[in-house]
Structure formats: C-alpha cells, structure tokens
Amino acid sequence: MEKKLKVYADRMSQPSRAVLTFCRYPTDVFRRAKIQSVLDWHHSNLRYGADHYVINTVLGPALGHPLNPKAASEAEKVLSSSLSNLEKIWLNGNGRFLLGGSQPSIADLSLVCELVQLEVLDEKDRDRILSPYKKVVRWIEDTRAATNPHFDQVHNILFRVKMKLQHPRSMDAEAGTETSSKMGRHSKM
C-alpha cells in the first residue's frame, strides 16, 4: 500500500503531496487495522446516511427528481446513528482526530469529506443535524484547519454548488416565503 501511495503522490501536484505526507496509512500494523476498520464502517453507515439524505432533500429536486420524504427520513436516521457512533466510538480518545490521533489520517479526510457535503443543505437543517454532536463539529474544524488551504481548495466546487442551490431559495425569500438573512454564506463547518 505504501508503494501505491508513493506512486500516487508522485503523480499529484506539490500542494496535494503535502497533505498526503501525514495522511498515509500508518506503518504500525495495529494502527493500520484500526484505520481500515473506520474506513470499512464508513461505507455502510456514514456515507449511506449523508449521501442519501442530501440526494433526497436537496440534490434530487435540484436535478428535477421528485422529493422523497420517506427515503430522506430513513437516511436521516442512519446519518444520526452514524454521527452518534462517530462521536462515541471513533472520536473517543485524547487526540483531536479519529482513534485519538494527533494528526489526521486518510480516514479523517474520507469521513470529513462525507460530512462536508451537508454544506448544500439549508443552514437550519444542517445545524439541526450536526449541532447535537459537538465532538464531530470540533473534529471537522480540526481536520479542516490541519489540511488548509488544501481542504478549502478541494471543497470550493461544493461551496459554489451551495450558492447555486440557494439562489432559488433566496428568490423564495424575496417573495416572503423564507427568511434570507443567512443565505449565501458559508457555514463554519
């Protein structure tokens, strides 16, 4: 795996290589197994909940698909359960990152990116989902801070999509159907 990461890093731009320097798999086999267990858990839990919630509330309708409140509700339950487990199990330790790490791992990046997609939600909805999980919110910010400016560069397109998705909402607000005071701002996530 280390060789694959090195080849991959050699093909990447210089700024990305700096992020990869401390986000590679650990050499310690026990630590590596723990990181892999987080990544395995992520696919069936956090990814499913976050993706399906965003698709069935914001992205689907933006792409012309009908709202699916039942699917959104089921996805929100999975997302909420995943956030709870993330906070109780994976963020349990003395470090600022997953598994008590002092630096972000590839698992931190993968899971945080899953949650950053919640940026496209209405701010009130995103806050409702994330605010009960203080450790998760702090971990997102810690990961962002540890990997910036690369983090913001990578997610820039997401922030642009958010602005486009909120444009119709702000049109509704001007018509008096929604308040627009917070529209168009990036959250602190």
C-alpha atoms as a PDB file:
ATOM      1  CA  MET A   1       0.000   0.000   0.000  1.00  0.00           C
ATOM      2  CA  GLU A   2       2.851   2.386   0.849  1.00  0.00           C
ATOM      3  CA  LYS A   3       4.272   1.932  -2.657  1.00  0.00           C
ATOM      4  CA  LYS A   4       0.881   2.696  -4.215  1.00  0.00           C
ATOM      5  CA  LEU A   5       0.580   5.855  -2.146  1.00  0.00           C
ATOM      6  CA  LYS A   6       4.074   6.931  -3.196  1.00  0.00           C
ATOM      7  CA  VAL A   7       3.282   6.407  -6.888  1.00  0.00           C
ATOM      8  CA  TYR A   8       0.005   8.254  -6.427  1.00  0.00           C
ATOM      9  CA  ALA A   9       1.748  11.109  -4.611  1.00  0.00           C
ATOM     10  CA  ASP A  10       4.346  11.401  -7.361  1.00  0.00           C
ATOM     11  CA  ARG A  11       1.532  11.967  -9.867  1.00  0.00           C
ATOM     12  CA  MET A  12      -0.106  14.637  -7.763  1.00  0.00           C
ATOM     13  CA  SER A  13       0.609  18.342  -7.570  1.00  0.00           C
ATOM     14  CA  GLN A  14       3.007  19.680  -4.951  1.00  0.00           C
ATOM     15  CA  PRO A  15       0.310  21.078  -2.563  1.00  0.00           C
ATOM     16  CA  SER A  16      -1.570  17.779  -2.557  1.00  0.00           C
ATOM     17  CA  ARG A  17       1.621  15.911  -1.774  1.00  0.00           C
ATOM     18  CA  ALA A  18       1.951  17.961   1.423  1.00  0.00           C
ATOM     19  CA  VAL A  19      -1.453  16.750   2.624  1.00  0.00           C
ATOM     20  CA  LEU A  20      -0.627  13.162   1.711  1.00  0.00           C
ATOM     21  CA  THR A  21       2.573  13.313   3.778  1.00  0.00           C
ATOM     22  CA  PHE A  22       0.718  12.927   7.059  1.00  0.00           C
ATOM     23  CA  CYS A  23      -2.439  11.210   5.781  1.00  0.00           C
ATOM     24  CA  ARG A  24      -0.941   7.953   4.603  1.00  0.00           C
ATOM     25  CA  TYR A  25      -1.612   4.631   6.258  1.00  0.00           C
ATOM     26  CA  PRO A  26       0.463   4.170   9.397  1.00  0.00           C
ATOM     27  CA  THR A  27       3.342   1.715   9.292  1.00  0.00           C
ATOM     28  CA  ASP A  28       2.198   0.095  12.544  1.00  0.00           C
ATOM     29  CA  VAL A  29       0.001  -2.838  11.529  1.00  0.00           C
ATOM     30  CA  PHE A  30      -2.341  -2.440  14.528  1.00  0.00           C
ATOM     31  CA  ARG A  31      -2.902   1.255  13.848  1.00  0.00           C
ATOM     32  CA  ARG A  32      -3.388   0.473  10.155  1.00  0.00           C
ATOM     33  CA  ALA A  33      -6.038  -2.146  11.011  1.00  0.00           C
ATOM     34  CA  LYS A  34      -7.889   0.396  13.136  1.00  0.00           C
ATOM     35  CA  ILE A  35      -7.823   2.975  10.331  1.00  0.00           C
ATOM     36  CA  GLN A  36      -9.100   0.334   7.917  1.00  0.00           C
ATOM     37  CA  SER A  37     -11.928  -0.573  10.304  1.00  0.00           C
ATOM     38  CA  VAL A  38     -13.051   3.074  10.322  1.00  0.00           C
ATOM     39  CA  LEU A  39     -12.978   3.168   6.521  1.00  0.00           C
ATOM     40  CA  ASP A  40     -14.942  -0.087   6.289  1.00  0.00           C
ATOM     41  CA  TRP A  41     -17.563   1.166   8.752  1.00  0.00           C
ATOM     42  CA  HIS A  42     -17.835   4.443   6.857  1.00  0.00           C
ATOM     43  CA  HIS A  43     -19.134   2.895   3.625  1.00  0.00           C
ATOM     44  CA  SER A  44     -22.250   1.280   5.059  1.00  0.00           C
ATOM     45  CA  ASN A  45     -23.063   3.862   7.670  1.00  0.00           C
ATOM     46  CA  LEU A  46     -21.944   7.478   7.443  1.00  0.00           C
ATOM     47  CA  ARG A  47     -21.696   7.514   3.634  1.00  0.00           C
ATOM     48  CA  TYR A  48     -25.098   5.914   3.170  1.00  0.00           C
ATOM     49  CA  GLY A  49     -26.820   8.301   5.575  1.00  0.00           C
ATOM     50  CA  ALA A  50     -25.186  11.504   4.359  1.00  0.00           C
ATOM     51  CA  ASP A  51     -25.416  10.740   0.636  1.00  0.00           C
ATOM     52  CA  HIS A  52     -28.998   9.552   0.680  1.00  0.00           C
ATOM     53  CA  TYR A  53     -30.151  12.414   2.871  1.00  0.00           C
ATOM     54  CA  VAL A  54     -28.584  15.067   0.636  1.00  0.00           C
ATOM     55  CA  ILE A  55     -29.827  13.402  -2.546  1.00  0.00           C
ATOM     56  CA  ASN A  56     -33.382  13.017  -1.273  1.00  0.00           C
ATOM     57  CA  THR A  57     -33.688  16.525   0.155  1.00  0.00           C
ATOM     58  CA  VAL A  58     -31.629  18.910  -1.985  1.00  0.00           C
ATOM     59  CA  LEU A  59     -29.770  17.409  -4.925  1.00  0.00           C
ATOM     60  CA  GLY A  60     -32.550  15.210  -6.306  1.00  0.00           C
ATOM     61  CA  PRO A  61     -35.060  18.063  -6.573  1.00  0.00           C
ATOM     62  CA  ALA A  62     -32.358  20.370  -7.970  1.00  0.00           C
ATOM     63  CA  LEU A  63     -31.812  17.819 -10.735  1.00  0.00           C
ATOM     64  CA  GLY A  64     -35.525  17.512 -11.461  1.00  0.00           C
ATOM     65  CA  HIS A  65     -36.296  14.425  -9.401  1.00  0.00           C
ATOM     66  CA  PRO A  66     -39.270  14.478  -7.038  1.00  0.00           C
ATOM     67  CA  LEU A  67     -38.767  14.827  -3.296  1.00  0.00           C
ATOM     68  CA  ASN A  68     -38.694  11.510  -1.488  1.00  0.00           C
ATOM     69  CA  PRO A  69     -39.546  12.312   2.147  1.00  0.00           C
ATOM     70  CA  LYS A  70     -39.642   8.643   3.170  1.00  0.00           C
ATOM     71  CA  ALA A  71     -36.141   7.966   1.798  1.00  0.00           C
ATOM     72  CA  ALA A  72     -34.885  11.218   3.343  1.00  0.00           C
ATOM     73  CA  SER A  73     -36.316  10.248   6.732  1.00  0.00           C
ATOM     74  CA  GLU A  74     -34.718   6.785   6.600  1.00  0.00           C
ATOM     75  CA  ALA A  75     -31.385   8.283   5.541  1.00  0.00           C
ATOM     76  CA  GLU A  76     -31.545  10.840   8.345  1.00  0.00           C
ATOM     77  CA  LYS A  77     -31.976   8.026  10.872  1.00  0.00           C
ATOM     78  CA  VAL A  78     -28.872   6.280   9.511  1.00  0.00           C
ATOM     79  CA  LEU A  79     -26.985   9.583   9.476  1.00  0.00           C
ATOM     80  CA  SER A  80     -27.971  10.400  13.052  1.00  0.00           C
ATOM     81  CA  SER A  81     -26.987   6.943  14.264  1.00  0.00           C
ATOM     82  CA  SER A  82     -23.693   7.215  12.369  1.00  0.00           C
ATOM     83  CA  LEU A  83     -22.906  10.611  13.888  1.00  0.00           C
ATOM     84  CA  SER A  84     -23.628   9.212  17.337  1.00  0.00           C
ATOM     85  CA  ASN A  85     -21.301   6.245  16.744  1.00  0.00           C
ATOM     86  CA  LEU A  86     -18.661   8.504  15.256  1.00  0.00           C
ATOM     87  CA  GLU A  87     -18.713  10.619  18.386  1.00  0.00           C
ATOM     88  CA  LYS A  88     -18.880   7.752  20.920  1.00  0.00           C
ATOM     89  CA  ILE A  89     -16.564   5.225  19.267  1.00  0.00           C
ATOM     90  CA  TRP A  90     -14.238   6.678  16.642  1.00  0.00           C
ATOM     91  CA  LEU A  91     -13.641  10.097  18.264  1.00  0.00           C
ATOM     92  CA  ASN A  92     -13.077   8.604  21.676  1.00  0.00           C
ATOM     93  CA  GLY A  93      -9.533   9.340  22.785  1.00  0.00           C
ATOM     94  CA  ASN A  94      -7.118  12.067  23.757  1.00  0.00           C
ATOM     95  CA  GLY A  95      -6.228  13.221  20.249  1.00  0.00           C
ATOM     96  CA  ARG A  96      -8.101  15.656  18.033  1.00  0.00           C
ATOM     97  CA  PHE A  97      -8.610  13.108  15.253  1.00  0.00           C
ATOM     98  CA  LEU A  98     -10.111   9.663  14.719  1.00  0.00           C
ATOM     99  CA  LEU A  99      -8.908   6.938  17.042  1.00  0.00           C
ATOM    100  CA  GLY A 100      -7.222   9.516  19.262  1.00  0.00           C
ATOM    101  CA  GLY A 101      -4.751  10.532  16.560  1.00  0.00           C
ATOM    102  CA  SER A 102      -2.633  13.657  16.852  1.00  0.00           C
ATOM    103  CA  GLN A 103      -2.697  14.188  13.061  1.00  0.00           C
ATOM    104  CA  PRO A 104      -5.441  13.482  10.534  1.00  0.00           C
ATOM    105  CA  SER A 105      -5.330  10.149   8.755  1.00  0.00           C
ATOM    106  CA  ILE A 106      -6.757   9.123   5.412  1.00  0.00           C
ATOM    107  CA  ALA A 107      -9.836   8.023   7.393  1.00  0.00           C
ATOM    108  CA  ASP A 108     -10.263  11.528   8.829  1.00  0.00           C
ATOM    109  CA  LEU A 109     -10.185  13.005   5.334  1.00  0.00           C
ATOM    110  CA  SER A 110     -12.607  10.453   3.937  1.00  0.00           C
ATOM    111  CA  LEU A 111     -15.179  10.827   6.704  1.00  0.00           C
ATOM    112  CA  VAL A 112     -14.939  14.609   6.927  1.00  0.00           C
ATOM    113  CA  CYS A 113     -15.467  14.919   3.183  1.00  0.00           C
ATOM    114  CA  GLU A 114     -18.615  12.848   3.584  1.00  0.00           C
ATOM    115  CA  LEU A 115     -19.938  15.322   6.125  1.00  0.00           C
ATOM    116  CA  VAL A 116     -18.887  18.443   4.255  1.00  0.00           C
ATOM    117  CA  GLN A 117     -21.453  17.572   1.597  1.00  0.00           C
ATOM    118  CA  LEU A 118     -24.050  18.621   4.193  1.00  0.00           C
ATOM    119  CA  GLU A 119     -22.986  22.166   3.287  1.00  0.00           C
ATOM    120  CA  VAL A 120     -25.526  22.099   0.452  1.00  0.00           C
ATOM    121  CA  LEU A 121     -28.376  21.794   2.955  1.00  0.00           C
ATOM    122  CA  ASP A 122     -30.239  24.762   4.298  1.00  0.00           C
ATOM    123  CA  GLU A 123     -28.195  26.116   7.227  1.00  0.00           C
ATOM    124  CA  LYS A 124     -31.026  25.469   9.694  1.00  0.00           C
ATOM    125  CA  ASP A 125     -31.321  21.847   8.568  1.00  0.00           C
ATOM    126  CA  ARG A 126     -27.550  21.279   8.681  1.00  0.00           C
ATOM    127  CA  ASP A 127     -27.344  22.779  12.165  1.00  0.00           C
ATOM    128  CA  ARG A 128     -30.261  20.632  13.349  1.00  0.00           C
ATOM    129  CA  ILE A 129     -28.437  17.510  12.192  1.00  0.00           C
ATOM    130  CA  LEU A 130     -24.905  18.354  13.369  1.00  0.00           C
ATOM    131  CA  SER A 131     -25.320  20.525  16.466  1.00  0.00           C
ATOM    132  CA  PRO A 132     -26.048  17.659  18.897  1.00  0.00           C
ATOM    133  CA  TYR A 133     -22.622  16.226  18.070  1.00  0.00           C
ATOM    134  CA  LYS A 134     -20.143  18.731  19.496  1.00  0.00           C
ATOM    135  CA  LYS A 135     -17.124  16.417  19.157  1.00  0.00           C
ATOM    136  CA  VAL A 136     -17.957  15.791  15.497  1.00  0.00           C
ATOM    137  CA  VAL A 137     -18.288  19.509  14.750  1.00  0.00           C
ATOM    138  CA  ARG A 138     -14.977  20.234  16.511  1.00  0.00           C
ATOM    139  CA  TRP A 139     -13.284  17.331  14.660  1.00  0.00           C
ATOM    140  CA  ILE A 140     -14.495  18.667  11.291  1.00  0.00           C
ATOM    141  CA  GLU A 141     -12.978  22.055  12.113  1.00  0.00           C
ATOM    142  CA  ASP A 142      -9.740  20.477  13.387  1.00  0.00           C
ATOM    143  CA  THR A 143      -9.385  18.450  10.185  1.00  0.00           C
ATOM    144  CA  ARG A 144     -10.124  21.485   8.070  1.00  0.00           C
ATOM    145  CA  ALA A 145      -7.555  23.578   9.950  1.00  0.00           C
ATOM    146  CA  ALA A 146      -4.905  20.851   9.749  1.00  0.00           C
ATOM    147  CA  THR A 147      -5.280  20.454   5.992  1.00  0.00           C
ATOM    148  CA  ASN A 148      -5.954  24.017   4.845  1.00  0.00           C
ATOM    149  CA  PRO A 149      -5.559  25.634   2.367  1.00  0.00           C
ATOM    150  CA  HIS A 150      -5.975  22.333   0.513  1.00  0.00           C
ATOM    151  CA  PHE A 151      -9.235  21.495   2.253  1.00  0.00           C
ATOM    152  CA  ASP A 152     -10.939  24.666   1.063  1.00  0.00           C
ATOM    153  CA  GLN A 153      -9.464  24.337  -2.431  1.00  0.00           C
ATOM    154  CA  VAL A 154     -10.836  20.819  -2.810  1.00  0.00           C
ATOM    155  CA  HIS A 155     -14.272  21.778  -1.488  1.00  0.00           C
ATOM    156  CA  ASN A 156     -14.539  25.016  -3.434  1.00  0.00           C
ATOM    157  CA  ILE A 157     -16.804  23.424  -6.032  1.00  0.00           C
ATOM    158  CA  LEU A 158     -19.143  22.277  -3.282  1.00  0.00           C
ATOM    159  CA  PHE A 159     -19.392  25.828  -1.981  1.00  0.00           C
ATOM    160  CA  ARG A 160     -20.215  27.032  -5.496  1.00  0.00           C
ATOM    161  CA  VAL A 161     -22.937  24.376  -5.834  1.00  0.00           C
ATOM    162  CA  LYS A 162     -24.310  25.509  -2.487  1.00  0.00           C
ATOM    163  CA  MET A 163     -24.580  29.081  -3.768  1.00  0.00           C
ATOM    164  CA  LYS A 164     -26.406  27.938  -6.913  1.00  0.00           C
ATOM    165  CA  LEU A 165     -28.786  25.779  -4.907  1.00  0.00           C
ATOM    166  CA  GLN A 166     -29.513  28.610  -2.510  1.00  0.00           C
ATOM    167  CA  HIS A 167     -30.263  31.101  -5.285  1.00  0.00           C
ATOM    168  CA  PRO A 168     -33.799  29.696  -5.803  1.00  0.00           C
ATOM    169  CA  ARG A 169     -34.277  29.683  -2.020  1.00  0.00           C
ATOM    170  CA  SER A 170     -33.319  33.349  -1.801  1.00  0.00           C
ATOM    171  CA  MET A 171     -35.805  34.082  -4.611  1.00  0.00           C
ATOM    172  CA  ASP A 172     -38.471  32.440  -2.420  1.00  0.00           C
ATOM    173  CA  ALA A 173     -37.277  34.581   0.482  1.00  0.00           C
ATOM    174  CA  GLU A 174     -37.694  37.763  -1.505  1.00  0.00           C
ATOM    175  CA  ALA A 175     -41.260  36.661  -2.235  1.00  0.00           C
ATOM    176  CA  GLY A 176     -41.774  36.373   1.535  1.00  0.00           C
ATOM    177  CA  THR A 177     -41.789  32.575   1.854  1.00  0.00           C
ATOM    178  CA  GLU A 178     -38.442  32.207   3.617  1.00  0.00           C
ATOM    179  CA  THR A 179     -36.037  34.432   5.504  1.00  0.00           C
ATOM    180  CA  SER A 180     -32.899  35.259   3.567  1.00  0.00           C
ATOM    181  CA  SER A 181     -30.626  36.697   6.225  1.00  0.00           C
ATOM    182  CA  LYS A 182     -28.214  33.746   6.176  1.00  0.00           C
ATOM    183  CA  MET A 183     -28.477  32.749   2.535  1.00  0.00           C
ATOM    184  CA  GLY A 184     -25.299  32.660   0.532  1.00  0.00           C
ATOM    185  CA  ARG A 185     -22.882  32.469   3.483  1.00  0.00           C
ATOM    186  CA  HIS A 186     -20.507  29.619   4.124  1.00  0.00           C
ATOM    187  CA  SER A 187     -21.150  27.876   7.384  1.00  0.00           C
ATOM    188  CA  LYS A 188     -18.322  27.450   9.879  1.00  0.00           C
ATOM    189  CA  MET A 189     -18.247  23.736   9.127  1.00  0.00           C
END
